[in-house]
Amino acid sequence: MKDLFSAEKWKYVFYCVSHPSDGFYEVRHRERGSVAIAWVMILLFGISYTINRLCASFIVNDTDPRSVDTLMEIEGVLLLFLLLSIANWSVTCLLNGEGRLKDIMTIMGYSMTPCVLCFIPATIVSQFVAQNEEVFYNIIIWLSVAYSIIIMLIGIMIIHNYTLGKTLITILLTFFALLVILFVIMMVYSLVGQVITFFQSVYLELYFR
């Protein structure tokens, strides 16, 4: 456990953010990444995203705080991260990608670092901006999101040894695979519910007879 959360592992997260090509190459070929830290980064992103939705000034945020379920939103972020990783892994297995599932999780988790670092400061900045000054808040948010997407794109390209064009196609197929996975999950959930209801009905029928 110490090795998973060592200071060197944490420093390497920021190395990957500043040198994504070299950093993610070593994640794939020299085992320098940490899936555990990637999950922590996703958790921190979920927390910072939820705090932003709850606490950002009304000038830049039209979300009703009473409608925000903190725990559910964080769980949703973690679940989306897991499903996206599985979807990308399933697609790249068919397209001769070299990345493993743990590599995909690592680069996705590490790629969220700019958002983790910027969402809370952006929330604080939102408390001081006046009307028509939302641009300062938006710059922080959108630059962090854009940088995270760029890092993730580079990471997927590096770990799978793809060209940029093939990487973009893979990302589109990943979202399609995600929809298929969600559809299957919903179908299974519905089927299990119907089976449970059926057996409950049979039990009640037998019991009252």
C-alpha atoms as a PDB file:
ATOM      1  CA  MET A   1       0.000   0.000   0.000  1.00  0.00           C
ATOM      2  CA  LYS A   2       2.882   2.365   0.767  1.00  0.00           C
ATOM      3  CA  ASP A   3       4.320   1.833  -2.699  1.00  0.00           C
ATOM      4  CA  LEU A   4       0.950   2.614  -4.301  1.00  0.00           C
ATOM      5  CA  PHE A   5       0.695   5.986  -2.567  1.00  0.00           C
ATOM      6  CA  SER A   6       4.387   6.906  -2.306  1.00  0.00           C
ATOM      7  CA  ALA A   7       5.572  10.487  -2.799  1.00  0.00           C
ATOM      8  CA  GLU A   8       7.315   9.411  -5.994  1.00  0.00           C
ATOM      9  CA  LYS A   9       4.049   8.066  -7.432  1.00  0.00           C
ATOM     10  CA  TRP A  10       2.280  11.341  -6.642  1.00  0.00           C
ATOM     11  CA  LYS A  11       5.067  13.406  -8.181  1.00  0.00           C
ATOM     12  CA  TYR A  12       4.778  11.291 -11.295  1.00  0.00           C
ATOM     13  CA  VAL A  13       1.142  12.365 -11.696  1.00  0.00           C
ATOM     14  CA  PHE A  14       2.309  15.954 -12.201  1.00  0.00           C
ATOM     15  CA  TYR A  15       5.109  14.790 -14.493  1.00  0.00           C
ATOM     16  CA  CYS A  16       2.480  13.135 -16.697  1.00  0.00           C
ATOM     17  CA  VAL A  17       0.445  16.347 -16.714  1.00  0.00           C
ATOM     18  CA  SER A  18       3.433  18.443 -17.802  1.00  0.00           C
ATOM     19  CA  HIS A  19       5.037  15.798 -20.066  1.00  0.00           C
ATOM     20  CA  PRO A  20       2.132  13.598 -21.214  1.00  0.00           C
ATOM     21  CA  SER A  21       3.931  11.864 -24.092  1.00  0.00           C
ATOM     22  CA  ASP A  22       6.936  10.736 -22.067  1.00  0.00           C
ATOM     23  CA  GLY A  23       4.932  10.215 -18.902  1.00  0.00           C
ATOM     24  CA  PHE A  24       2.270   7.952 -20.380  1.00  0.00           C
ATOM     25  CA  TYR A  25       4.864   6.020 -22.391  1.00  0.00           C
ATOM     26  CA  GLU A  26       6.535   5.054 -19.120  1.00  0.00           C
ATOM     27  CA  VAL A  27       3.165   4.248 -17.568  1.00  0.00           C
ATOM     28  CA  ARG A  28       2.649   1.666 -20.315  1.00  0.00           C
ATOM     29  CA  HIS A  29       6.156   0.286 -20.733  1.00  0.00           C
ATOM     30  CA  ARG A  30       7.832   0.823 -17.336  1.00  0.00           C
ATOM     31  CA  GLU A  31       4.935   0.372 -14.907  1.00  0.00           C
ATOM     32  CA  ARG A  32       5.353   3.854 -13.406  1.00  0.00           C
ATOM     33  CA  GLY A  33       1.657   4.561 -13.003  1.00  0.00           C
ATOM     34  CA  SER A  34      -0.680   3.783 -10.117  1.00  0.00           C
ATOM     35  CA  VAL A  35      -4.297   2.699 -10.640  1.00  0.00           C
ATOM     36  CA  ALA A  36      -4.995   3.469  -6.972  1.00  0.00           C
ATOM     37  CA  ILE A  37      -3.878   7.077  -7.384  1.00  0.00           C
ATOM     38  CA  ALA A  38      -5.908   7.308 -10.606  1.00  0.00           C
ATOM     39  CA  TRP A  39      -9.032   6.334  -8.636  1.00  0.00           C
ATOM     40  CA  VAL A  40      -8.165   8.909  -5.971  1.00  0.00           C
ATOM     41  CA  MET A  41      -7.857  11.603  -8.652  1.00  0.00           C
ATOM     42  CA  ILE A  42     -11.265  10.655 -10.054  1.00  0.00           C
ATOM     43  CA  LEU A  43     -12.734  10.780  -6.538  1.00  0.00           C
ATOM     44  CA  LEU A  44     -11.167  14.218  -5.985  1.00  0.00           C
ATOM     45  CA  PHE A  45     -12.562  15.349  -9.327  1.00  0.00           C
ATOM     46  CA  GLY A  46     -16.030  14.157  -8.304  1.00  0.00           C
ATOM     47  CA  ILE A  47     -15.743  16.059  -5.017  1.00  0.00           C
ATOM     48  CA  SER A  48     -14.429  19.271  -6.616  1.00  0.00           C
ATOM     49  CA  TYR A  49     -17.083  19.100  -9.360  1.00  0.00           C
ATOM     50  CA  THR A  50     -19.849  18.676  -6.791  1.00  0.00           C
ATOM     51  CA  ILE A  51     -18.485  21.519  -4.639  1.00  0.00           C
ATOM     52  CA  ASN A  52     -18.437  23.717  -7.728  1.00  0.00           C
ATOM     53  CA  ARG A  53     -22.088  22.921  -8.465  1.00  0.00           C
ATOM     54  CA  LEU A  54     -23.051  23.548  -4.851  1.00  0.00           C
ATOM     55  CA  CYS A  55     -20.998  26.616  -4.014  1.00  0.00           C
ATOM     56  CA  ALA A  56     -20.276  28.560  -7.207  1.00  0.00           C
ATOM     57  CA  SER A  57     -21.861  32.014  -7.223  1.00  0.00           C
ATOM     58  CA  PHE A  58     -25.343  32.402  -8.691  1.00  0.00           C
ATOM     59  CA  ILE A  59     -23.807  34.732 -11.282  1.00  0.00           C
ATOM     60  CA  VAL A  60     -22.064  31.799 -12.975  1.00  0.00           C
ATOM     61  CA  ASN A  61     -24.148  28.915 -11.661  1.00  0.00           C
ATOM     62  CA  ASP A  62     -27.880  28.431 -12.189  1.00  0.00           C
ATOM     63  CA  THR A  63     -27.982  25.079 -10.362  1.00  0.00           C
ATOM     64  CA  ASP A  64     -30.323  24.880  -7.389  1.00  0.00           C
ATOM     65  CA  PRO A  65     -28.117  23.522  -4.536  1.00  0.00           C
ATOM     66  CA  ARG A  66     -31.154  21.725  -3.100  1.00  0.00           C
ATOM     67  CA  SER A  67     -31.316  19.580  -6.235  1.00  0.00           C
ATOM     68  CA  VAL A  68     -27.709  18.382  -5.900  1.00  0.00           C
ATOM     69  CA  ASP A  69     -27.285  14.955  -4.301  1.00  0.00           C
ATOM     70  CA  THR A  70     -23.603  15.040  -3.349  1.00  0.00           C
ATOM     71  CA  LEU A  71     -23.122  11.326  -2.788  1.00  0.00           C
ATOM     72  CA  MET A  72     -25.006  10.346  -5.936  1.00  0.00           C
ATOM     73  CA  GLU A  73     -23.013  12.759  -8.102  1.00  0.00           C
ATOM     74  CA  ILE A  74     -19.683  11.461  -6.792  1.00  0.00           C
ATOM     75  CA  GLU A  75     -20.836   7.871  -7.295  1.00  0.00           C
ATOM     76  CA  GLY A  76     -21.935   8.813 -10.829  1.00  0.00           C
ATOM     77  CA  VAL A  77     -18.470  10.204 -11.640  1.00  0.00           C
ATOM     78  CA  LEU A  78     -16.777   7.033 -10.328  1.00  0.00           C
ATOM     79  CA  LEU A  79     -19.175   4.777 -12.240  1.00  0.00           C
ATOM     80  CA  LEU A  80     -18.728   6.767 -15.462  1.00  0.00           C
ATOM     81  CA  PHE A  81     -14.945   6.501 -15.081  1.00  0.00           C
ATOM     82  CA  LEU A  82     -15.177   2.726 -14.673  1.00  0.00           C
ATOM     83  CA  LEU A  83     -17.553   2.258 -17.609  1.00  0.00           C
ATOM     84  CA  LEU A  84     -15.521   4.530 -19.912  1.00  0.00           C
ATOM     85  CA  SER A  85     -12.373   2.586 -19.063  1.00  0.00           C
ATOM     86  CA  ILE A  86     -14.074  -0.733 -19.797  1.00  0.00           C
ATOM     87  CA  ALA A  87     -15.618   0.648 -23.003  1.00  0.00           C
ATOM     88  CA  ASN A  88     -12.268   1.928 -24.264  1.00  0.00           C
ATOM     89  CA  TRP A  89     -10.539  -1.332 -23.355  1.00  0.00           C
ATOM     90  CA  SER A  90     -13.186  -3.409 -25.151  1.00  0.00           C
ATOM     91  CA  VAL A  91     -12.930  -1.264 -28.304  1.00  0.00           C
ATOM     92  CA  THR A  92      -9.130  -1.153 -28.382  1.00  0.00           C
ATOM     93  CA  CYS A  93      -8.912  -4.936 -27.893  1.00  0.00           C
ATOM     94  CA  LEU A  94     -10.702  -5.240 -31.236  1.00  0.00           C
ATOM     95  CA  LEU A  95      -8.509  -2.567 -32.853  1.00  0.00           C
ATOM     96  CA  ASN A  96      -5.148  -4.024 -31.792  1.00  0.00           C
ATOM     97  CA  GLY A  97      -4.561  -1.504 -29.035  1.00  0.00           C
ATOM     98  CA  GLU A  98      -1.566  -2.172 -26.820  1.00  0.00           C
ATOM     99  CA  GLY A  99      -2.922  -0.586 -23.651  1.00  0.00           C
ATOM    100  CA  ARG A 100      -4.189  -2.683 -20.755  1.00  0.00           C
ATOM    101  CA  LEU A 101      -7.237  -1.855 -18.670  1.00  0.00           C
ATOM    102  CA  LYS A 102      -5.079  -0.595 -15.810  1.00  0.00           C
ATOM    103  CA  ASP A 103      -3.159   1.671 -18.230  1.00  0.00           C
ATOM    104  CA  ILE A 104      -6.432   3.148 -19.503  1.00  0.00           C
ATOM    105  CA  MET A 105      -7.647   3.771 -15.955  1.00  0.00           C
ATOM    106  CA  THR A 106      -4.332   5.359 -15.047  1.00  0.00           C
ATOM    107  CA  ILE A 107      -4.242   7.827 -17.923  1.00  0.00           C
ATOM    108  CA  MET A 108      -7.908   8.763 -17.467  1.00  0.00           C
ATOM    109  CA  GLY A 109      -7.415   9.346 -13.749  1.00  0.00           C
ATOM    110  CA  TYR A 110      -4.203  11.328 -14.215  1.00  0.00           C
ATOM    111  CA  SER A 111      -5.820  13.397 -16.965  1.00  0.00           C
ATOM    112  CA  MET A 112      -8.337  14.785 -14.484  1.00  0.00           C
ATOM    113  CA  THR A 113      -5.567  16.527 -12.516  1.00  0.00           C
ATOM    114  CA  PRO A 114      -6.031  19.967 -14.159  1.00  0.00           C
ATOM    115  CA  CYS A 115      -9.749  19.899 -13.314  1.00  0.00           C
ATOM    116  CA  VAL A 116      -9.030  18.791  -9.744  1.00  0.00           C
ATOM    117  CA  LEU A 117      -6.575  21.676  -9.334  1.00  0.00           C
ATOM    118  CA  CYS A 118      -8.760  24.329 -10.968  1.00  0.00           C
ATOM    119  CA  PHE A 119     -12.398  23.693 -10.033  1.00  0.00           C
ATOM    120  CA  ILE A 120     -12.070  24.764  -6.382  1.00  0.00           C
ATOM    121  CA  PRO A 121     -10.106  27.975  -7.229  1.00  0.00           C
ATOM    122  CA  ALA A 122     -12.699  28.713  -9.922  1.00  0.00           C
ATOM    123  CA  THR A 123     -15.453  28.293  -7.327  1.00  0.00           C
ATOM    124  CA  ILE A 124     -13.660  30.765  -5.040  1.00  0.00           C
ATOM    125  CA  VAL A 125     -13.164  33.225  -7.914  1.00  0.00           C
ATOM    126  CA  SER A 126     -16.892  33.027  -8.693  1.00  0.00           C
ATOM    127  CA  GLN A 127     -17.647  34.574  -5.297  1.00  0.00           C
ATOM    128  CA  PHE A 128     -15.855  37.773  -6.281  1.00  0.00           C
ATOM    129  CA  VAL A 129     -16.881  38.287  -9.910  1.00  0.00           C
ATOM    130  CA  ALA A 130     -19.592  40.796 -10.732  1.00  0.00           C
ATOM    131  CA  GLN A 131     -22.160  40.647 -13.494  1.00  0.00           C
ATOM    132  CA  ASN A 132     -20.497  40.531 -16.946  1.00  0.00           C
ATOM    133  CA  GLU A 133     -17.214  39.357 -15.368  1.00  0.00           C
ATOM    134  CA  GLU A 134     -18.018  35.653 -15.658  1.00  0.00           C
ATOM    135  CA  VAL A 135     -15.301  35.378 -18.311  1.00  0.00           C
ATOM    136  CA  PHE A 136     -12.632  35.040 -15.594  1.00  0.00           C
ATOM    137  CA  TYR A 137     -14.456  32.082 -14.075  1.00  0.00           C
ATOM    138  CA  ASN A 138     -15.163  30.510 -17.463  1.00  0.00           C
ATOM    139  CA  ILE A 139     -11.514  30.810 -18.533  1.00  0.00           C
ATOM    140  CA  ILE A 140     -10.365  28.794 -15.504  1.00  0.00           C
ATOM    141  CA  ILE A 141     -13.026  26.110 -15.989  1.00  0.00           C
ATOM    142  CA  TRP A 142     -12.738  25.695 -19.752  1.00  0.00           C
ATOM    143  CA  LEU A 143      -8.939  25.811 -19.858  1.00  0.00           C
ATOM    144  CA  SER A 144      -8.736  23.067 -17.224  1.00  0.00           C
ATOM    145  CA  VAL A 145     -11.311  20.945 -19.065  1.00  0.00           C
ATOM    146  CA  ALA A 146      -9.599  21.500 -22.430  1.00  0.00           C
ATOM    147  CA  TYR A 147      -6.186  20.609 -21.015  1.00  0.00           C
ATOM    148  CA  SER A 148      -7.590  17.462 -19.389  1.00  0.00           C
ATOM    149  CA  ILE A 149      -9.107  16.372 -22.708  1.00  0.00           C
ATOM    150  CA  ILE A 150      -5.826  17.028 -24.558  1.00  0.00           C
ATOM    151  CA  ILE A 151      -3.835  15.026 -21.992  1.00  0.00           C
ATOM    152  CA  MET A 152      -6.323  12.161 -22.181  1.00  0.00           C
ATOM    153  CA  LEU A 153      -6.178  12.186 -25.987  1.00  0.00           C
ATOM    154  CA  ILE A 154      -2.377  12.037 -25.941  1.00  0.00           C
ATOM    155  CA  GLY A 155      -2.475   9.308 -23.295  1.00  0.00           C
ATOM    156  CA  ILE A 156      -4.821   7.077 -25.270  1.00  0.00           C
ATOM    157  CA  MET A 157      -2.713   7.606 -28.384  1.00  0.00           C
ATOM    158  CA  ILE A 158       0.518   6.721 -26.560  1.00  0.00           C
ATOM    159  CA  ILE A 159      -0.572   3.653 -24.589  1.00  0.00           C
ATOM    160  CA  HIS A 160      -2.321   2.054 -27.562  1.00  0.00           C
ATOM    161  CA  ASN A 161       0.373   3.114 -30.058  1.00  0.00           C
ATOM    162  CA  TYR A 162      -2.221   4.728 -32.333  1.00  0.00           C
ATOM    163  CA  THR A 163      -2.081   7.578 -34.813  1.00  0.00           C
ATOM    164  CA  LEU A 164      -4.133  10.685 -34.039  1.00  0.00           C
ATOM    165  CA  GLY A 165      -6.792   9.705 -36.581  1.00  0.00           C
ATOM    166  CA  LYS A 166      -7.181   6.202 -35.184  1.00  0.00           C
ATOM    167  CA  THR A 167      -7.308   7.648 -31.659  1.00  0.00           C
ATOM    168  CA  LEU A 168     -10.207   9.942 -32.588  1.00  0.00           C
ATOM    169  CA  ILE A 169     -12.074   7.042 -34.211  1.00  0.00           C
ATOM    170  CA  THR A 170     -11.419   4.950 -31.087  1.00  0.00           C
ATOM    171  CA  ILE A 171     -12.861   7.671 -28.849  1.00  0.00           C
ATOM    172  CA  LEU A 172     -16.044   7.820 -30.936  1.00  0.00           C
ATOM    173  CA  LEU A 173     -16.362   4.035 -30.774  1.00  0.00           C
ATOM    174  CA  THR A 174     -15.712   4.185 -27.020  1.00  0.00           C
ATOM    175  CA  PHE A 175     -18.763   6.408 -26.507  1.00  0.00           C
ATOM    176  CA  PHE A 176     -20.807   4.053 -28.669  1.00  0.00           C
ATOM    177  CA  ALA A 177     -19.592   1.088 -26.604  1.00  0.00           C
ATOM    178  CA  LEU A 178     -20.492   3.023 -23.445  1.00  0.00           C
ATOM    179  CA  LEU A 179     -24.069   3.417 -24.683  1.00  0.00           C
ATOM    180  CA  VAL A 180     -24.219  -0.309 -25.463  1.00  0.00           C
ATOM    181  CA  ILE A 181     -22.937  -1.167 -21.972  1.00  0.00           C
ATOM    182  CA  LEU A 182     -25.476   1.158 -20.345  1.00  0.00           C
ATOM    183  CA  PHE A 183     -28.253  -0.369 -22.452  1.00  0.00           C
ATOM    184  CA  VAL A 184     -27.227  -3.902 -21.433  1.00  0.00           C
ATOM    185  CA  ILE A 185     -27.052  -2.892 -17.763  1.00  0.00           C
ATOM    186  CA  MET A 186     -30.532  -1.382 -17.946  1.00  0.00           C
ATOM    187  CA  MET A 187     -31.881  -4.486 -19.688  1.00  0.00           C
ATOM    188  CA  VAL A 188     -30.348  -6.808 -17.078  1.00  0.00           C
ATOM    189  CA  TYR A 189     -31.603  -4.585 -14.249  1.00  0.00           C
ATOM    190  CA  SER A 190     -35.116  -4.595 -15.723  1.00  0.00           C
ATOM    191  CA  LEU A 191     -35.023  -8.372 -16.308  1.00  0.00           C
ATOM    192  CA  VAL A 192     -33.837  -9.078 -12.768  1.00  0.00           C
ATOM    193  CA  GLY A 193     -36.595  -6.833 -11.423  1.00  0.00           C
ATOM    194  CA  GLN A 194     -39.215  -8.690 -13.422  1.00  0.00           C
ATOM    195  CA  VAL A 195     -37.899 -12.080 -12.265  1.00  0.00           C
ATOM    196  CA  ILE A 196     -37.950 -10.963  -8.629  1.00  0.00           C
ATOM    197  CA  THR A 197     -41.488  -9.625  -9.040  1.00  0.00           C
ATOM    198  CA  PHE A 198     -42.566 -12.914 -10.642  1.00  0.00           C
ATOM    199  CA  PHE A 199     -41.204 -15.047  -7.807  1.00  0.00           C
ATOM    200  CA  GLN A 200     -42.732 -12.685  -5.240  1.00  0.00           C
ATOM    201  CA  SER A 201     -46.110 -13.084  -6.952  1.00  0.00           C
ATOM    202  CA  VAL A 202     -45.749 -16.882  -7.014  1.00  0.00           C
ATOM    203  CA  TYR A 203     -44.745 -16.947  -3.342  1.00  0.00           C
ATOM    204  CA  LEU A 204     -47.668 -14.753  -2.288  1.00  0.00           C
ATOM    205  CA  GLU A 205     -50.082 -16.849  -4.379  1.00  0.00           C
ATOM    206  CA  LEU A 206     -48.863 -20.076  -2.765  1.00  0.00           C
ATOM    207  CA  TYR A 207     -48.778 -18.550   0.698  1.00  0.00           C
ATOM    208  CA  PHE A 208     -52.380 -17.296   0.657  1.00  0.00           C
ATOM    209  CA  ARG A 209     -53.670 -20.579  -0.769  1.00  0.00           C
END
